[in-house]
Amino acid sequence: MNKQYVVLGLGIFGSTVVKTLSEYGCEILAIDKDPECVQRIAEYATKAVIGDVTDLDFLMSLGVDEFDVGVMAIGDHLEEAVLATMNLKECGVPHIVAKAKNKRFKVVLEKIGADRVIRPEKDMGVRLAKSFLRRNITELIELDSENSIAEIVIPQAWVGKTLNQLNLRQMAGINILAKRNLETNKLELPVDPHEVLQFGDRYIVLAKTDKIEHYDLVL
């Protein structure tokens, strides 16, 4: 069963969250005090409402207490961001993700109970810089703050060896999940640990993000 999401604030960040969730058939309540923002996102949200997200009674009247995840997407005004986050907490929303404009915002929002605080511009800058440094990673998906699944092109050091010989789980903390068939582009699993690796082979791996990125750089 899909989770229910409430998004407070429909600027670029909030609108992007709503549009992306809608592509996966999620139930979304979108709220903003700006009628134009609400109208722009209305076709993507299950319900789009004009209103003050700092008003607890207003949020309670919309049934926000029944939602699984709250996204506080107000980033420019600390007072509004704090009140909106506190309201989600007061409503009993189990998981709250808040957008922060800067480090000060981040610290405050964490202290009042946000489960996860993100700084979109900074986070995107870090991801972009890391993507420049990756040599063997073709795609990386962060599962949480520590772990990722990545698709890698095997390094030269692996060519001619088997996964058994490499012993990646013990030596590098990297778990091999599947192999990419380069002819069909489909994934093959389970993986044969005795197959001799060839130049250009691609594998799907699961490991701690820093392990994947560090291992990629030193290969």
C-alpha atoms as a PDB file:
ATOM      1  CA  MET A   1       0.000   0.000   0.000  1.00  0.00           C
ATOM      2  CA  ASN A   2       1.360   3.431  -0.979  1.00  0.00           C
ATOM      3  CA  LYS A   3       2.128   5.907   1.752  1.00  0.00           C
ATOM      4  CA  GLN A   4       0.200   9.162   2.008  1.00  0.00           C
ATOM      5  CA  TYR A   5       2.163  12.380   1.712  1.00  0.00           C
ATOM      6  CA  VAL A   6       1.392  15.963   2.729  1.00  0.00           C
ATOM      7  CA  VAL A   7       3.545  18.687   1.187  1.00  0.00           C
ATOM      8  CA  LEU A   8       3.609  22.132   2.789  1.00  0.00           C
ATOM      9  CA  GLY A   9       4.871  24.812   0.417  1.00  0.00           C
ATOM     10  CA  LEU A  10       4.675  24.566  -3.351  1.00  0.00           C
ATOM     11  CA  GLY A  11       7.687  26.424  -4.647  1.00  0.00           C
ATOM     12  CA  ILE A  12      10.122  24.725  -7.030  1.00  0.00           C
ATOM     13  CA  PHE A  13      11.195  22.135  -4.459  1.00  0.00           C
ATOM     14  CA  GLY A  14       7.735  21.321  -3.134  1.00  0.00           C
ATOM     15  CA  SER A  15       6.210  21.201  -6.614  1.00  0.00           C
ATOM     16  CA  THR A  16       8.926  18.827  -7.801  1.00  0.00           C
ATOM     17  CA  VAL A  17       8.236  16.510  -4.870  1.00  0.00           C
ATOM     18  CA  VAL A  18       4.502  16.493  -5.664  1.00  0.00           C
ATOM     19  CA  LYS A  19       4.997  15.874  -9.394  1.00  0.00           C
ATOM     20  CA  THR A  20       7.470  13.052  -8.807  1.00  0.00           C
ATOM     21  CA  LEU A  21       5.296  11.303  -6.212  1.00  0.00           C
ATOM     22  CA  SER A  22       2.282  11.609  -8.497  1.00  0.00           C
ATOM     23  CA  GLU A  23       4.099   9.619 -11.191  1.00  0.00           C
ATOM     24  CA  TYR A  24       4.041   6.661  -8.810  1.00  0.00           C
ATOM     25  CA  GLY A  25       0.366   6.944  -7.938  1.00  0.00           C
ATOM     26  CA  CYS A  26       0.887   8.243  -4.412  1.00  0.00           C
ATOM     27  CA  GLU A  27      -1.827  10.027  -2.473  1.00  0.00           C
ATOM     28  CA  ILE A  28      -0.688  13.625  -1.972  1.00  0.00           C
ATOM     29  CA  LEU A  29      -2.153  16.576  -0.111  1.00  0.00           C
ATOM     30  CA  ALA A  30      -0.475  19.780  -1.335  1.00  0.00           C
ATOM     31  CA  ILE A  31      -0.864  23.069   0.546  1.00  0.00           C
ATOM     32  CA  ASP A  32       0.308  26.629  -0.078  1.00  0.00           C
ATOM     33  CA  LYS A  33      -1.019  30.107   0.693  1.00  0.00           C
ATOM     34  CA  ASP A  34      -0.347  31.258  -2.879  1.00  0.00           C
ATOM     35  CA  PRO A  35      -3.333  30.476  -5.155  1.00  0.00           C
ATOM     36  CA  GLU A  36      -1.130  30.436  -8.270  1.00  0.00           C
ATOM     37  CA  CYS A  37       1.179  27.797  -6.779  1.00  0.00           C
ATOM     38  CA  VAL A  38      -1.791  25.660  -5.774  1.00  0.00           C
ATOM     39  CA  GLN A  39      -3.421  25.986  -9.188  1.00  0.00           C
ATOM     40  CA  ARG A  40      -0.158  25.062 -10.937  1.00  0.00           C
ATOM     41  CA  ILE A  41       0.187  21.820  -8.982  1.00  0.00           C
ATOM     42  CA  ALA A  42      -3.495  20.878  -8.674  1.00  0.00           C
ATOM     43  CA  GLU A  43      -3.481  18.367 -11.544  1.00  0.00           C
ATOM     44  CA  TYR A  44      -0.681  16.363  -9.900  1.00  0.00           C
ATOM     45  CA  ALA A  45      -1.896  16.281  -6.296  1.00  0.00           C
ATOM     46  CA  THR A  46      -4.746  14.168  -4.987  1.00  0.00           C
ATOM     47  CA  LYS A  47      -5.938  17.319  -3.260  1.00  0.00           C
ATOM     48  CA  ALA A  48      -4.463  20.828  -3.532  1.00  0.00           C
ATOM     49  CA  VAL A  49      -5.524  23.415  -0.974  1.00  0.00           C
ATOM     50  CA  ILE A  50      -4.951  27.137  -0.478  1.00  0.00           C
ATOM     51  CA  GLY A  51      -4.176  27.876   3.139  1.00  0.00           C
ATOM     52  CA  ASP A  52      -1.818  28.845   5.930  1.00  0.00           C
ATOM     53  CA  VAL A  53       0.453  25.928   6.863  1.00  0.00           C
ATOM     54  CA  THR A  54       1.390  27.682  10.119  1.00  0.00           C
ATOM     55  CA  ASP A  55      -2.220  27.299  11.321  1.00  0.00           C
ATOM     56  CA  LEU A  56      -2.457  24.036  13.271  1.00  0.00           C
ATOM     57  CA  ASP A  57      -6.274  23.992  13.377  1.00  0.00           C
ATOM     58  CA  PHE A  58      -6.385  24.406   9.593  1.00  0.00           C
ATOM     59  CA  LEU A  59      -4.049  21.438   9.062  1.00  0.00           C
ATOM     60  CA  MET A  60      -5.989  19.296  11.515  1.00  0.00           C
ATOM     61  CA  SER A  61      -9.220  20.109   9.654  1.00  0.00           C
ATOM     62  CA  LEU A  62      -7.635  18.645   6.506  1.00  0.00           C
ATOM     63  CA  GLY A  63      -6.829  15.392   8.264  1.00  0.00           C
ATOM     64  CA  VAL A  64      -3.065  15.849   8.148  1.00  0.00           C
ATOM     65  CA  ASP A  65      -2.831  13.609  11.213  1.00  0.00           C
ATOM     66  CA  GLU A  66      -3.728  10.647   8.966  1.00  0.00           C
ATOM     67  CA  PHE A  67      -0.731  11.073   6.633  1.00  0.00           C
ATOM     68  CA  ASP A  68       2.423   8.954   6.784  1.00  0.00           C
ATOM     69  CA  VAL A  69       5.019  11.472   5.598  1.00  0.00           C
ATOM     70  CA  GLY A  70       5.126  15.258   5.867  1.00  0.00           C
ATOM     71  CA  VAL A  71       7.356  17.368   3.624  1.00  0.00           C
ATOM     72  CA  MET A  72       7.975  20.889   4.881  1.00  0.00           C
ATOM     73  CA  ALA A  73       9.112  22.674   1.728  1.00  0.00           C
ATOM     74  CA  ILE A  74       9.205  26.288   2.954  1.00  0.00           C
ATOM     75  CA  GLY A  75      12.800  27.434   2.782  1.00  0.00           C
ATOM     76  CA  ASP A  76      12.993  31.227   2.919  1.00  0.00           C
ATOM     77  CA  HIS A  77      11.373  32.199   6.211  1.00  0.00           C
ATOM     78  CA  LEU A  78      12.582  30.527   9.392  1.00  0.00           C
ATOM     79  CA  GLU A  79       9.527  31.373  11.506  1.00  0.00           C
ATOM     80  CA  GLU A  80       7.129  29.852   8.974  1.00  0.00           C
ATOM     81  CA  ALA A  81       9.382  26.836   8.498  1.00  0.00           C
ATOM     82  CA  VAL A  82       9.551  26.244  12.252  1.00  0.00           C
ATOM     83  CA  LEU A  83       5.799  26.601  12.775  1.00  0.00           C
ATOM     84  CA  ALA A  84       4.987  24.347   9.805  1.00  0.00           C
ATOM     85  CA  THR A  85       7.391  21.664  11.036  1.00  0.00           C
ATOM     86  CA  MET A  86       6.063  21.897  14.589  1.00  0.00           C
ATOM     87  CA  ASN A  87       2.505  21.587  13.251  1.00  0.00           C
ATOM     88  CA  LEU A  88       3.379  18.381  11.398  1.00  0.00           C
ATOM     89  CA  LYS A  89       4.888  17.079  14.633  1.00  0.00           C
ATOM     90  CA  GLU A  90       1.810  18.161  16.601  1.00  0.00           C
ATOM     91  CA  CYS A  91      -0.445  16.430  14.094  1.00  0.00           C
ATOM     92  CA  GLY A  92       1.444  13.223  14.762  1.00  0.00           C
ATOM     93  CA  VAL A  93       2.856  12.723  11.260  1.00  0.00           C
ATOM     94  CA  PRO A  94       5.290   9.783  11.724  1.00  0.00           C
ATOM     95  CA  HIS A  95       8.057  10.943   9.385  1.00  0.00           C
ATOM     96  CA  ILE A  96       8.895  14.593   8.689  1.00  0.00           C
ATOM     97  CA  VAL A  97      11.300  15.796   6.006  1.00  0.00           C
ATOM     98  CA  ALA A  98      12.143  19.500   6.083  1.00  0.00           C
ATOM     99  CA  LYS A  99      13.884  21.795   3.624  1.00  0.00           C
ATOM    100  CA  ALA A 100      16.497  24.146   5.068  1.00  0.00           C
ATOM    101  CA  LYS A 101      17.815  27.329   3.481  1.00  0.00           C
ATOM    102  CA  ASN A 102      21.102  27.253   5.360  1.00  0.00           C
ATOM    103  CA  LYS A 103      22.973  25.585   8.223  1.00  0.00           C
ATOM    104  CA  ARG A 104      21.172  27.669  10.857  1.00  0.00           C
ATOM    105  CA  PHE A 105      17.790  26.579   9.524  1.00  0.00           C
ATOM    106  CA  LYS A 106      18.995  22.969   9.495  1.00  0.00           C
ATOM    107  CA  VAL A 107      20.061  23.028  13.139  1.00  0.00           C
ATOM    108  CA  VAL A 108      16.790  24.597  14.294  1.00  0.00           C
ATOM    109  CA  LEU A 109      14.585  22.223  12.292  1.00  0.00           C
ATOM    110  CA  GLU A 110      16.458  19.196  13.605  1.00  0.00           C
ATOM    111  CA  LYS A 111      16.051  20.420  17.174  1.00  0.00           C
ATOM    112  CA  ILE A 112      12.274  20.766  16.866  1.00  0.00           C
ATOM    113  CA  GLY A 113      11.821  17.242  15.580  1.00  0.00           C
ATOM    114  CA  ALA A 114      12.331  16.965  11.809  1.00  0.00           C
ATOM    115  CA  ASP A 115      13.457  13.406  11.049  1.00  0.00           C
ATOM    116  CA  ARG A 116      15.458  14.499   8.019  1.00  0.00           C
ATOM    117  CA  VAL A 117      16.587  17.965   6.980  1.00  0.00           C
ATOM    118  CA  ILE A 118      17.927  18.616   3.503  1.00  0.00           C
ATOM    119  CA  ARG A 119      19.575  21.585   1.864  1.00  0.00           C
ATOM    120  CA  PRO A 120      18.699  21.110  -1.839  1.00  0.00           C
ATOM    121  CA  GLU A 121      21.280  23.462  -3.326  1.00  0.00           C
ATOM    122  CA  LYS A 122      24.138  22.159  -1.178  1.00  0.00           C
ATOM    123  CA  ASP A 123      23.121  18.521  -1.572  1.00  0.00           C
ATOM    124  CA  MET A 124      22.915  18.878  -5.342  1.00  0.00           C
ATOM    125  CA  GLY A 125      26.315  20.574  -5.438  1.00  0.00           C
ATOM    126  CA  VAL A 126      27.888  17.732  -3.457  1.00  0.00           C
ATOM    127  CA  ARG A 127      26.288  15.102  -5.697  1.00  0.00           C
ATOM    128  CA  LEU A 128      27.428  16.896  -8.850  1.00  0.00           C
ATOM    129  CA  ALA A 129      30.998  17.175  -7.602  1.00  0.00           C
ATOM    130  CA  LYS A 130      31.071  13.501  -6.637  1.00  0.00           C
ATOM    131  CA  SER A 131      29.718  12.514 -10.056  1.00  0.00           C
ATOM    132  CA  PHE A 132      32.722  14.250 -11.639  1.00  0.00           C
ATOM    133  CA  LEU A 133      35.037  12.070  -9.560  1.00  0.00           C
ATOM    134  CA  ARG A 134      33.409   8.725 -10.320  1.00  0.00           C
ATOM    135  CA  ARG A 135      35.236   6.689 -12.913  1.00  0.00           C
ATOM    136  CA  ASN A 136      33.578   3.280 -12.760  1.00  0.00           C
ATOM    137  CA  ILE A 137      30.111   4.119 -11.372  1.00  0.00           C
ATOM    138  CA  THR A 138      27.456   4.577 -14.057  1.00  0.00           C
ATOM    139  CA  GLU A 139      24.553   5.077 -11.651  1.00  0.00           C
ATOM    140  CA  LEU A 140      24.176   5.384  -7.890  1.00  0.00           C
ATOM    141  CA  ILE A 141      20.977   5.376  -5.826  1.00  0.00           C
ATOM    142  CA  GLU A 142      21.159   6.350  -2.165  1.00  0.00           C
ATOM    143  CA  LEU A 143      18.902   4.086  -0.085  1.00  0.00           C
ATOM    144  CA  ASP A 144      19.406   6.118   3.089  1.00  0.00           C
ATOM    145  CA  SER A 145      22.046   8.354   4.640  1.00  0.00           C
ATOM    146  CA  GLU A 146      24.650   5.549   4.636  1.00  0.00           C
ATOM    147  CA  ASN A 147      23.871   2.893   2.028  1.00  0.00           C
ATOM    148  CA  SER A 148      23.559   2.874  -1.756  1.00  0.00           C
ATOM    149  CA  ILE A 149      22.975   0.610  -4.715  1.00  0.00           C
ATOM    150  CA  ALA A 150      25.251   1.345  -7.650  1.00  0.00           C
ATOM    151  CA  GLU A 151      25.905   0.053 -11.130  1.00  0.00           C
ATOM    152  CA  ILE A 152      29.609  -0.163 -11.809  1.00  0.00           C
ATOM    153  CA  VAL A 153      31.848  -0.953 -14.749  1.00  0.00           C
ATOM    154  CA  ILE A 154      34.435  -3.351 -13.401  1.00  0.00           C
ATOM    155  CA  PRO A 155      37.939  -1.891 -13.067  1.00  0.00           C
ATOM    156  CA  GLN A 156      40.948  -3.320 -14.878  1.00  0.00           C
ATOM    157  CA  ALA A 157      42.125  -4.909 -11.629  1.00  0.00           C
ATOM    158  CA  TRP A 158      39.124  -7.262 -11.648  1.00  0.00           C
ATOM    159  CA  VAL A 159      39.543  -8.503 -15.230  1.00  0.00           C
ATOM    160  CA  GLY A 160      40.498 -12.178 -15.459  1.00  0.00           C
ATOM    161  CA  LYS A 161      39.442 -12.928 -11.884  1.00  0.00           C
ATOM    162  CA  THR A 162      36.263 -14.434 -10.428  1.00  0.00           C
ATOM    163  CA  LEU A 163      34.035 -12.896  -7.748  1.00  0.00           C
ATOM    164  CA  ASN A 164      35.111 -15.718  -5.455  1.00  0.00           C
ATOM    165  CA  GLN A 165      38.735 -14.725  -5.890  1.00  0.00           C
ATOM    166  CA  LEU A 166      38.024 -11.041  -5.358  1.00  0.00           C
ATOM    167  CA  ASN A 167      36.027 -11.750  -2.152  1.00  0.00           C
ATOM    168  CA  LEU A 168      34.528  -8.251  -2.292  1.00  0.00           C
ATOM    169  CA  ARG A 169      32.171  -8.674   0.648  1.00  0.00           C
ATOM    170  CA  GLN A 170      35.011  -9.442   3.047  1.00  0.00           C
ATOM    171  CA  MET A 171      37.693  -7.252   1.485  1.00  0.00           C
ATOM    172  CA  ALA A 172      35.659  -4.140   0.646  1.00  0.00           C
ATOM    173  CA  GLY A 173      32.194  -4.531   2.168  1.00  0.00           C
ATOM    174  CA  ILE A 174      30.660  -4.659  -1.316  1.00  0.00           C
ATOM    175  CA  ASN A 175      27.796  -7.056  -2.051  1.00  0.00           C
ATOM    176  CA  ILE A 176      27.244  -8.112  -5.680  1.00  0.00           C
ATOM    177  CA  LEU A 177      23.519  -8.253  -6.514  1.00  0.00           C
ATOM    178  CA  ALA A 178      23.326  -8.790 -10.274  1.00  0.00           C
ATOM    179  CA  LYS A 179      25.157  -8.601 -13.596  1.00  0.00           C
ATOM    180  CA  ARG A 180      24.076  -6.438 -16.532  1.00  0.00           C
ATOM    181  CA  ASN A 181      23.803  -8.343 -19.807  1.00  0.00           C
ATOM    182  CA  LEU A 182      25.267  -5.861 -22.286  1.00  0.00           C
ATOM    183  CA  GLU A 183      23.474  -7.438 -25.256  1.00  0.00           C
ATOM    184  CA  THR A 184      19.925  -7.469 -23.829  1.00  0.00           C
ATOM    185  CA  ASN A 185      20.477  -4.743 -21.191  1.00  0.00           C
ATOM    186  CA  LYS A 186      18.676  -7.014 -18.703  1.00  0.00           C
ATOM    187  CA  LEU A 187      19.911  -7.990 -15.278  1.00  0.00           C
ATOM    188  CA  GLU A 188      21.124 -11.523 -14.661  1.00  0.00           C
ATOM    189  CA  LEU A 189      20.752 -13.091 -11.226  1.00  0.00           C
ATOM    190  CA  PRO A 190      21.837 -14.957  -9.306  1.00  0.00           C
ATOM    191  CA  VAL A 191      25.423 -14.102 -10.147  1.00  0.00           C
ATOM    192  CA  ASP A 192      27.845 -16.917 -10.925  1.00  0.00           C
ATOM    193  CA  PRO A 193      30.725 -16.450  -8.450  1.00  0.00           C
ATOM    194  CA  HIS A 194      32.988 -18.659 -10.578  1.00  0.00           C
ATOM    195  CA  GLU A 195      32.582 -16.748 -13.855  1.00  0.00           C
ATOM    196  CA  VAL A 196      35.778 -15.075 -15.076  1.00  0.00           C
ATOM    197  CA  LEU A 197      35.204 -11.302 -15.307  1.00  0.00           C
ATOM    198  CA  GLN A 198      35.724  -9.632 -18.678  1.00  0.00           C
ATOM    199  CA  PHE A 199      36.687  -6.075 -19.603  1.00  0.00           C
ATOM    200  CA  GLY A 200      33.573  -3.868 -19.694  1.00  0.00           C
ATOM    201  CA  ASP A 201      31.425  -6.128 -17.472  1.00  0.00           C
ATOM    202  CA  ARG A 202      28.866  -4.223 -15.399  1.00  0.00           C
ATOM    203  CA  TYR A 203      27.510  -5.246 -12.023  1.00  0.00           C
ATOM    204  CA  ILE A 204      24.886  -3.988  -9.580  1.00  0.00           C
ATOM    205  CA  VAL A 205      26.342  -3.674  -6.073  1.00  0.00           C
ATOM    206  CA  LEU A 206      25.081  -2.812  -2.591  1.00  0.00           C
ATOM    207  CA  ALA A 207      27.354  -1.214  -0.002  1.00  0.00           C
ATOM    208  CA  LYS A 208      27.864   1.771   2.210  1.00  0.00           C
ATOM    209  CA  THR A 209      27.992   4.881   0.017  1.00  0.00           C
ATOM    210  CA  ASP A 210      31.410   5.979   1.239  1.00  0.00           C
ATOM    211  CA  LYS A 211      32.767   2.472   0.575  1.00  0.00           C
ATOM    212  CA  ILE A 212      31.526   2.541  -3.014  1.00  0.00           C
ATOM    213  CA  GLU A 213      32.869   6.029  -3.699  1.00  0.00           C
ATOM    214  CA  HIS A 214      36.205   5.425  -1.989  1.00  0.00           C
ATOM    215  CA  TYR A 215      36.707   2.059  -3.667  1.00  0.00           C
ATOM    216  CA  ASP A 216      35.857   3.618  -7.024  1.00  0.00           C
ATOM    217  CA  LEU A 217      38.500   6.301  -6.596  1.00  0.00           C
ATOM    218  CA  VAL A 218      41.316   3.991  -5.570  1.00  0.00           C
ATOM    219  CA  LEU A 219      40.787   1.325  -8.248  1.00  0.00           C
END
